[in-house]
Structures are given as C-alpha cells and as structure tokens.
C-alpha cells in the first residue's frame, strides 16, 4: 500500500534522510523505531510532503506522491498525526472534529466518541483546556474524521502517563482490527511491540533493521546500539 524507496530529505542545508526505504501493506501496522533525532519524524513528514525531498520515491496505492503538496497527499488517503498535536486550542472538541469532517467518512463523530470514550463528555470543552493525553486522542480523532486509508502516527505515546498510554494503545489496536493501515513512529519499544506486525529501526537517517518485532526482540546488541534497551 505504501512503498518508500531510497528517500533523501533535507532541512535547510542539513541532509537528514539518507536513502530510507520502507513499506506498509494494507491492514498492517508498521513501527519506525529510533532515538530522538534519528529521523523518524522527518521520514513521516517527507512522506506527507512537509519537508523537501531531494531523492527517492514515495508511492501509495500504486500512485506516486513524490513532490505533491501536503493537502493533495491528504486527499489521496493519508492521514498524519504530528508529534506536537496542533489542535485548535480555542475551538471545542466537537468543533475541532467538525473542521476536518469529510462527506462519506467512515468515522462520524458518534463512532469517534465510541473509540475515545473519554472525549465524549468533553465535547463542549475548549481544546486548549484538555490534558496532554486528551489532546493526543483528539488529534488522532480529528485525523480519522477525514477518512484516511493509511494513518501516520508520530510518537503518540511521548510524554503521556502509563494509564493514558494503555488507553491509547487500546484505541490503536481497535483501528488495527478495523483494517486501517498504520505507520507508527515510536521510541517506546514496549508500546510498539504490542501493536506492530513489523518494525524498522532508524539511526542517523538510515534504516539499520527491518523485520518482525520478534526478530528485533531477539537481537539484544541491535536494541542496545540503536534503541538503548
């Protein structure tokens, strides 16, 4: 479904990605693991057209996305949940969701509130007054309402309390059962292990490992070198 080949990307004059290749099949959850600054977020932004790509190809559902602007990529069926959430702080939870709503989406508001039940009683509350975990759930819900075929999640568990991380994991597992394809950028191997079918490990903008989560678990030297666990 998603096929990224030999991707190079830059920030200003800094060459950040050095030939990254990865793929995600339909209905699969793939995790991109690595330390801070390894290139995880840049990879997702490059797929979404948010950073300058200087080489390589991004294909989705057989079509090239390389060089397309982010709003066109979104309309092709990719949903992006950024690490910094970017909710509309002055709008209510319901209004945040309605902003991105598209006709015919398989995720109407009632279904989103069933997926994230803690948001339902907060529907009239301003987004800026929510906790970090509630804002993360709102950001994912707001992306789902656009009806994506593939979801790019950038470090969704970062900075959240363990109980919230578990609830978030439950919601992502439910999305997986629905057949939604997900690329999950994470530092938290325990969180990724629960959800992912396969994993990639990235370091200094290069892929260092590709394979099943079980193979990563079995390779202690690789985990210590690139994940510190």
C-alpha atoms as a PDB file:
ATOM      1  CA  UNK A   1       0.000   0.000   0.000  1.00  0.00           C
ATOM      2  CA  UNK A   2       2.787   2.424   0.986  1.00  0.00           C
ATOM      3  CA  UNK A   3       6.157   1.999  -0.676  1.00  0.00           C
ATOM      4  CA  UNK A   4       9.041   4.347   0.123  1.00  0.00           C
ATOM      5  CA  UNK A   5      12.254   3.797  -1.803  1.00  0.00           C
ATOM      6  CA  UNK A   6      15.687   5.418  -1.337  1.00  0.00           C
ATOM      7  CA  UNK A   7      14.243   8.565   0.235  1.00  0.00           C
ATOM      8  CA  UNK A   8      16.549  11.541   0.808  1.00  0.00           C
ATOM      9  CA  UNK A   9      15.363  14.693   2.562  1.00  0.00           C
ATOM     10  CA  UNK A  10      16.873  17.942   3.845  1.00  0.00           C
ATOM     11  CA  UNK A  11      16.201  20.641   6.421  1.00  0.00           C
ATOM     12  CA  UNK A  12      17.832  23.779   5.062  1.00  0.00           C
ATOM     13  CA  UNK A  13      21.376  22.697   4.258  1.00  0.00           C
ATOM     14  CA  UNK A  14      21.265  19.621   6.501  1.00  0.00           C
ATOM     15  CA  UNK A  15      20.918  16.270   4.752  1.00  0.00           C
ATOM     16  CA  UNK A  16      18.681  14.382   7.210  1.00  0.00           C
ATOM     17  CA  UNK A  17      17.475  11.222   5.444  1.00  0.00           C
ATOM     18  CA  UNK A  18      19.986   9.070   3.592  1.00  0.00           C
ATOM     19  CA  UNK A  19      18.211   6.568   1.366  1.00  0.00           C
ATOM     20  CA  UNK A  20      15.357   5.463   3.640  1.00  0.00           C
ATOM     21  CA  UNK A  21      13.248   2.600   2.304  1.00  0.00           C
ATOM     22  CA  UNK A  22      10.189   1.124   3.997  1.00  0.00           C
ATOM     23  CA  UNK A  23       6.790  -0.302   3.160  1.00  0.00           C
ATOM     24  CA  UNK A  24       3.415  -0.971   4.737  1.00  0.00           C
ATOM     25  CA  UNK A  25       0.930  -3.481   3.374  1.00  0.00           C
ATOM     26  CA  UNK A  26      -2.821  -2.981   3.567  1.00  0.00           C
ATOM     27  CA  UNK A  27      -4.131  -3.621   7.091  1.00  0.00           C
ATOM     28  CA  UNK A  28      -0.633  -3.792   8.566  1.00  0.00           C
ATOM     29  CA  UNK A  29       0.830  -1.852  11.485  1.00  0.00           C
ATOM     30  CA  UNK A  30       4.476  -0.995  10.882  1.00  0.00           C
ATOM     31  CA  UNK A  31       6.593   0.691  13.536  1.00  0.00           C
ATOM     32  CA  UNK A  32       9.502   3.044  12.821  1.00  0.00           C
ATOM     33  CA  UNK A  33      11.703   2.939  15.906  1.00  0.00           C
ATOM     34  CA  UNK A  34      14.658   5.067  16.924  1.00  0.00           C
ATOM     35  CA  UNK A  35      16.066   7.549  19.405  1.00  0.00           C
ATOM     36  CA  UNK A  36      15.391  11.291  19.385  1.00  0.00           C
ATOM     37  CA  UNK A  37      16.862  12.841  16.260  1.00  0.00           C
ATOM     38  CA  UNK A  38      17.208   9.512  14.445  1.00  0.00           C
ATOM     39  CA  UNK A  39      14.990  10.612  11.539  1.00  0.00           C
ATOM     40  CA  UNK A  40      11.600   9.150  12.471  1.00  0.00           C
ATOM     41  CA  UNK A  41       9.602  12.370  12.323  1.00  0.00           C
ATOM     42  CA  UNK A  42      11.438  13.553   9.226  1.00  0.00           C
ATOM     43  CA  UNK A  43      10.539  10.328   7.442  1.00  0.00           C
ATOM     44  CA  UNK A  44       6.823  10.801   8.141  1.00  0.00           C
ATOM     45  CA  UNK A  45       6.995  14.481   7.162  1.00  0.00           C
ATOM     46  CA  UNK A  46       8.783  13.562   3.927  1.00  0.00           C
ATOM     47  CA  UNK A  47       6.037  11.074   3.083  1.00  0.00           C
ATOM     48  CA  UNK A  48       3.462  13.831   3.699  1.00  0.00           C
ATOM     49  CA  UNK A  49       5.344  16.412   1.631  1.00  0.00           C
ATOM     50  CA  UNK A  50       6.170  18.576   4.648  1.00  0.00           C
ATOM     51  CA  UNK A  51       9.953  18.577   4.146  1.00  0.00           C
ATOM     52  CA  UNK A  52      11.993  18.877   0.962  1.00  0.00           C
ATOM     53  CA  UNK A  53      12.692  15.548  -0.686  1.00  0.00           C
ATOM     54  CA  UNK A  54      15.845  15.533  -2.824  1.00  0.00           C
ATOM     55  CA  UNK A  55      15.763  11.930  -3.981  1.00  0.00           C
ATOM     56  CA  UNK A  56      13.762   8.737  -3.925  1.00  0.00           C
ATOM     57  CA  UNK A  57      10.122   7.843  -4.494  1.00  0.00           C
ATOM     58  CA  UNK A  58       7.009   7.659  -2.315  1.00  0.00           C
ATOM     59  CA  UNK A  59       4.192   5.563  -3.753  1.00  0.00           C
ATOM     60  CA  UNK A  60       0.774   4.990  -2.218  1.00  0.00           C
ATOM     61  CA  UNK A  61      -1.794   2.585  -3.633  1.00  0.00           C
ATOM     62  CA  UNK A  62       0.284   2.385  -6.796  1.00  0.00           C
ATOM     63  CA  UNK A  63       0.477   6.156  -7.368  1.00  0.00           C
ATOM     64  CA  UNK A  64       3.486   8.404  -6.886  1.00  0.00           C
ATOM     65  CA  UNK A  65       3.158  11.050  -4.162  1.00  0.00           C
ATOM     66  CA  UNK A  66       6.670  12.416  -4.660  1.00  0.00           C
ATOM     67  CA  UNK A  67       6.649  16.203  -4.957  1.00  0.00           C
ATOM     68  CA  UNK A  68       2.932  16.621  -4.274  1.00  0.00           C
ATOM     69  CA  UNK A  69       1.804  19.245  -1.720  1.00  0.00           C
ATOM     70  CA  UNK A  70       0.517  18.010   1.670  1.00  0.00           C
ATOM     71  CA  UNK A  71      -3.160  18.829   1.034  1.00  0.00           C
ATOM     72  CA  UNK A  72      -3.152  16.729  -2.145  1.00  0.00           C
ATOM     73  CA  UNK A  73      -1.413  13.851  -0.346  1.00  0.00           C
ATOM     74  CA  UNK A  74      -4.064  14.037   2.368  1.00  0.00           C
ATOM     75  CA  UNK A  75      -6.829  13.830  -0.224  1.00  0.00           C
ATOM     76  CA  UNK A  76      -5.180  10.723  -1.696  1.00  0.00           C
ATOM     77  CA  UNK A  77      -5.907   8.976   1.626  1.00  0.00           C
ATOM     78  CA  UNK A  78      -3.001   9.615   4.013  1.00  0.00           C
ATOM     79  CA  UNK A  79      -3.717  10.932   7.496  1.00  0.00           C
ATOM     80  CA  UNK A  80      -0.900  12.478   9.529  1.00  0.00           C
ATOM     81  CA  UNK A  81      -0.905  12.878  13.321  1.00  0.00           C
ATOM     82  CA  UNK A  82       2.021  15.137  14.266  1.00  0.00           C
ATOM     83  CA  UNK A  83       4.005  14.778  17.454  1.00  0.00           C
ATOM     84  CA  UNK A  84       3.105  18.308  18.593  1.00  0.00           C
ATOM     85  CA  UNK A  85      -0.662  17.665  18.162  1.00  0.00           C
ATOM     86  CA  UNK A  86      -1.623  21.087  16.748  1.00  0.00           C
ATOM     87  CA  UNK A  87      -5.238  21.150  17.865  1.00  0.00           C
ATOM     88  CA  UNK A  88      -7.295  24.327  17.638  1.00  0.00           C
ATOM     89  CA  UNK A  89      -6.993  25.492  21.245  1.00  0.00           C
ATOM     90  CA  UNK A  90      -9.896  27.982  21.087  1.00  0.00           C
ATOM     91  CA  UNK A  91     -12.347  25.548  19.485  1.00  0.00           C
ATOM     92  CA  UNK A  92     -14.326  22.930  21.368  1.00  0.00           C
ATOM     93  CA  UNK A  93     -13.606  19.236  20.991  1.00  0.00           C
ATOM     94  CA  UNK A  94     -16.669  18.888  18.754  1.00  0.00           C
ATOM     95  CA  UNK A  95     -15.657  21.891  16.643  1.00  0.00           C
ATOM     96  CA  UNK A  96     -12.109  20.517  16.255  1.00  0.00           C
ATOM     97  CA  UNK A  97     -13.606  17.347  14.828  1.00  0.00           C
ATOM     98  CA  UNK A  98     -16.102  19.111  12.592  1.00  0.00           C
ATOM     99  CA  UNK A  99     -13.352  21.235  10.985  1.00  0.00           C
ATOM    100  CA  UNK A 100     -11.841  18.206   9.275  1.00  0.00           C
ATOM    101  CA  UNK A 101     -15.037  16.256   8.619  1.00  0.00           C
ATOM    102  CA  UNK A 102     -15.463  14.977   5.068  1.00  0.00           C
ATOM    103  CA  UNK A 103     -18.623  13.717   3.448  1.00  0.00           C
ATOM    104  CA  UNK A 104     -18.870   9.947   3.446  1.00  0.00           C
ATOM    105  CA  UNK A 105     -16.201   9.416   6.099  1.00  0.00           C
ATOM    106  CA  UNK A 106     -16.434   6.061   7.860  1.00  0.00           C
ATOM    107  CA  UNK A 107     -15.652   7.903  11.125  1.00  0.00           C
ATOM    108  CA  UNK A 108     -18.629  10.090  12.099  1.00  0.00           C
ATOM    109  CA  UNK A 109     -18.486  11.818  15.467  1.00  0.00           C
ATOM    110  CA  UNK A 110     -20.520   9.163  17.283  1.00  0.00           C
ATOM    111  CA  UNK A 111     -18.081   6.477  16.203  1.00  0.00           C
ATOM    112  CA  UNK A 112     -15.079   8.576  17.225  1.00  0.00           C
ATOM    113  CA  UNK A 113     -16.542   9.103  20.677  1.00  0.00           C
ATOM    114  CA  UNK A 114     -17.025   5.346  20.951  1.00  0.00           C
ATOM    115  CA  UNK A 115     -13.344   4.838  20.039  1.00  0.00           C
ATOM    116  CA  UNK A 116     -12.222   7.553  22.502  1.00  0.00           C
ATOM    117  CA  UNK A 117     -14.921   7.469  25.203  1.00  0.00           C
ATOM    118  CA  UNK A 118     -13.102   9.962  27.427  1.00  0.00           C
ATOM    119  CA  UNK A 119     -13.657  12.640  24.761  1.00  0.00           C
ATOM    120  CA  UNK A 120     -17.450  12.300  24.685  1.00  0.00           C
ATOM    121  CA  UNK A 121     -18.149  14.167  27.958  1.00  0.00           C
ATOM    122  CA  UNK A 122     -15.617  16.830  26.881  1.00  0.00           C
ATOM    123  CA  UNK A 123     -17.307  17.570  23.546  1.00  0.00           C
ATOM    124  CA  UNK A 124     -18.116  21.162  24.523  1.00  0.00           C
ATOM    125  CA  UNK A 125     -14.799  21.933  26.204  1.00  0.00           C
ATOM    126  CA  UNK A 126     -12.100  24.053  24.554  1.00  0.00           C
ATOM    127  CA  UNK A 127      -9.241  22.032  23.114  1.00  0.00           C
ATOM    128  CA  UNK A 128      -6.653  24.118  24.942  1.00  0.00           C
ATOM    129  CA  UNK A 129      -8.069  23.081  28.324  1.00  0.00           C
ATOM    130  CA  UNK A 130      -7.563  19.346  27.720  1.00  0.00           C
ATOM    131  CA  UNK A 131      -4.793  17.262  29.227  1.00  0.00           C
ATOM    132  CA  UNK A 132      -1.935  16.070  27.048  1.00  0.00           C
ATOM    133  CA  UNK A 133      -3.472  12.620  26.686  1.00  0.00           C
ATOM    134  CA  UNK A 134      -6.888  14.040  25.796  1.00  0.00           C
ATOM    135  CA  UNK A 135      -5.289  16.317  23.211  1.00  0.00           C
ATOM    136  CA  UNK A 136      -3.481  13.349  21.676  1.00  0.00           C
ATOM    137  CA  UNK A 137      -6.733  11.425  21.385  1.00  0.00           C
ATOM    138  CA  UNK A 138      -8.430  14.481  19.877  1.00  0.00           C
ATOM    139  CA  UNK A 139      -5.648  14.853  17.312  1.00  0.00           C
ATOM    140  CA  UNK A 140      -5.997  11.236  16.207  1.00  0.00           C
ATOM    141  CA  UNK A 141      -9.795  11.542  16.114  1.00  0.00           C
ATOM    142  CA  UNK A 142      -9.564  14.739  14.066  1.00  0.00           C
ATOM    143  CA  UNK A 143      -7.343  12.938  11.547  1.00  0.00           C
ATOM    144  CA  UNK A 144      -9.679   9.932  11.375  1.00  0.00           C
ATOM    145  CA  UNK A 145     -12.665  12.115  10.565  1.00  0.00           C
ATOM    146  CA  UNK A 146     -11.021  12.922   7.214  1.00  0.00           C
ATOM    147  CA  UNK A 147     -11.373   9.231   6.290  1.00  0.00           C
ATOM    148  CA  UNK A 148      -7.732   8.184   5.754  1.00  0.00           C
ATOM    149  CA  UNK A 149      -6.773   4.837   4.256  1.00  0.00           C
ATOM    150  CA  UNK A 150      -3.390   4.987   5.969  1.00  0.00           C
ATOM    151  CA  UNK A 151      -2.523   6.689   9.250  1.00  0.00           C
ATOM    152  CA  UNK A 152       0.916   8.113  10.051  1.00  0.00           C
ATOM    153  CA  UNK A 153       1.290   8.419  13.842  1.00  0.00           C
ATOM    154  CA  UNK A 154       4.291  10.391  15.079  1.00  0.00           C
ATOM    155  CA  UNK A 155       5.299   9.339  18.615  1.00  0.00           C
ATOM    156  CA  UNK A 156       1.743   9.177  20.014  1.00  0.00           C
ATOM    157  CA  UNK A 157       2.861   7.864  23.439  1.00  0.00           C
ATOM    158  CA  UNK A 158       5.506  10.553  24.040  1.00  0.00           C
ATOM    159  CA  UNK A 159       5.136  12.300  27.404  1.00  0.00           C
ATOM    160  CA  UNK A 160       1.925  10.534  28.422  1.00  0.00           C
ATOM    161  CA  UNK A 161       1.176   8.789  31.715  1.00  0.00           C
ATOM    162  CA  UNK A 162       1.222   4.962  31.572  1.00  0.00           C
ATOM    163  CA  UNK A 163      -2.546   4.657  32.054  1.00  0.00           C
ATOM    164  CA  UNK A 164      -3.134   7.007  29.105  1.00  0.00           C
ATOM    165  CA  UNK A 165      -0.600   5.127  27.001  1.00  0.00           C
ATOM    166  CA  UNK A 166      -2.576   1.926  27.642  1.00  0.00           C
ATOM    167  CA  UNK A 167      -5.848   3.569  26.598  1.00  0.00           C
ATOM    168  CA  UNK A 168      -4.212   4.980  23.507  1.00  0.00           C
ATOM    169  CA  UNK A 169      -2.837   1.540  22.690  1.00  0.00           C
ATOM    170  CA  UNK A 170      -6.343   0.084  23.045  1.00  0.00           C
ATOM    171  CA  UNK A 171      -7.661   2.623  20.532  1.00  0.00           C
ATOM    172  CA  UNK A 172      -4.877   1.944  18.023  1.00  0.00           C
ATOM    173  CA  UNK A 173      -5.431  -1.805  18.422  1.00  0.00           C
ATOM    174  CA  UNK A 174      -9.116  -1.213  17.619  1.00  0.00           C
ATOM    175  CA  UNK A 175      -8.112   0.682  14.476  1.00  0.00           C
ATOM    176  CA  UNK A 176      -5.894  -2.239  13.515  1.00  0.00           C
ATOM    177  CA  UNK A 177      -8.842  -4.627  13.915  1.00  0.00           C
ATOM    178  CA  UNK A 178     -10.815  -2.328  11.598  1.00  0.00           C
ATOM    179  CA  UNK A 179      -8.151  -2.970   8.955  1.00  0.00           C
ATOM    180  CA  UNK A 180      -6.646   0.522   8.929  1.00  0.00           C
ATOM    181  CA  UNK A 181      -3.030   0.592   7.746  1.00  0.00           C
ATOM    182  CA  UNK A 182      -0.791   2.378  10.255  1.00  0.00           C
ATOM    183  CA  UNK A 183       2.813   3.567  10.288  1.00  0.00           C
ATOM    184  CA  UNK A 184       3.766   4.194  13.907  1.00  0.00           C
ATOM    185  CA  UNK A 185       6.845   6.272  14.753  1.00  0.00           C
ATOM    186  CA  UNK A 186       7.954   5.474  18.309  1.00  0.00           C
ATOM    187  CA  UNK A 187      10.776   5.406  20.841  1.00  0.00           C
ATOM    188  CA  UNK A 188       8.742   3.192  23.158  1.00  0.00           C
ATOM    189  CA  UNK A 189       9.516  -0.387  22.103  1.00  0.00           C
ATOM    190  CA  UNK A 190       7.055  -1.846  24.614  1.00  0.00           C
ATOM    191  CA  UNK A 191       4.226   0.227  23.121  1.00  0.00           C
ATOM    192  CA  UNK A 192       5.234  -0.619  19.544  1.00  0.00           C
ATOM    193  CA  UNK A 193       5.650  -4.320  20.346  1.00  0.00           C
ATOM    194  CA  UNK A 194       2.004  -4.579  21.367  1.00  0.00           C
ATOM    195  CA  UNK A 195       0.726  -3.142  18.093  1.00  0.00           C
ATOM    196  CA  UNK A 196       3.171  -3.649  15.233  1.00  0.00           C
ATOM    197  CA  UNK A 197       3.440  -6.528  12.799  1.00  0.00           C
ATOM    198  CA  UNK A 198       6.853  -5.419  11.578  1.00  0.00           C
ATOM    199  CA  UNK A 199       9.459  -2.884  12.617  1.00  0.00           C
ATOM    200  CA  UNK A 200      12.118  -0.678  11.102  1.00  0.00           C
ATOM    201  CA  UNK A 201      14.921   0.818  13.185  1.00  0.00           C
ATOM    202  CA  UNK A 202      16.345   4.130  12.003  1.00  0.00           C
ATOM    203  CA  UNK A 203      19.522   5.879  13.142  1.00  0.00           C
ATOM    204  CA  UNK A 204      21.161   8.994  11.693  1.00  0.00           C
ATOM    205  CA  UNK A 205      18.708   8.974   8.827  1.00  0.00           C
ATOM    206  CA  UNK A 206      19.431   5.396   7.727  1.00  0.00           C
ATOM    207  CA  UNK A 207      17.478   2.177   8.226  1.00  0.00           C
ATOM    208  CA  UNK A 208      19.502  -0.213  10.415  1.00  0.00           C
ATOM    209  CA  UNK A 209      16.967  -3.038  10.811  1.00  0.00           C
ATOM    210  CA  UNK A 210      13.884  -4.345   9.070  1.00  0.00           C
ATOM    211  CA  UNK A 211      11.875  -7.364  10.181  1.00  0.00           C
ATOM    212  CA  UNK A 212       9.306  -8.839  12.576  1.00  0.00           C
ATOM    213  CA  UNK A 213       9.131  -7.445  16.097  1.00  0.00           C
ATOM    214  CA  UNK A 214      10.146 -10.892  17.390  1.00  0.00           C
ATOM    215  CA  UNK A 215      13.427 -10.679  15.455  1.00  0.00           C
ATOM    216  CA  UNK A 216      14.134  -7.274  16.976  1.00  0.00           C
ATOM    217  CA  UNK A 217      13.403  -8.636  20.451  1.00  0.00           C
ATOM    218  CA  UNK A 218      15.890 -11.433  19.822  1.00  0.00           C
ATOM    219  CA  UNK A 219      18.711  -9.058  18.802  1.00  0.00           C
ATOM    220  CA  UNK A 220      19.893  -7.503  22.069  1.00  0.00           C
ATOM    221  CA  UNK A 221      23.004  -5.918  20.579  1.00  0.00           C
ATOM    222  CA  UNK A 222      20.963  -4.060  17.947  1.00  0.00           C
ATOM    223  CA  UNK A 223      18.407  -2.872  20.501  1.00  0.00           C
ATOM    224  CA  UNK A 224      21.138  -1.571  22.794  1.00  0.00           C
ATOM    225  CA  UNK A 225      23.007   0.129  19.965  1.00  0.00           C
ATOM    226  CA  UNK A 226      20.068   1.954  18.383  1.00  0.00           C
ATOM    227  CA  UNK A 227      17.254   1.979  20.969  1.00  0.00           C
ATOM    228  CA  UNK A 228      19.122   1.885  24.272  1.00  0.00           C
ATOM    229  CA  UNK A 229      17.007  -1.014  25.625  1.00  0.00           C
END
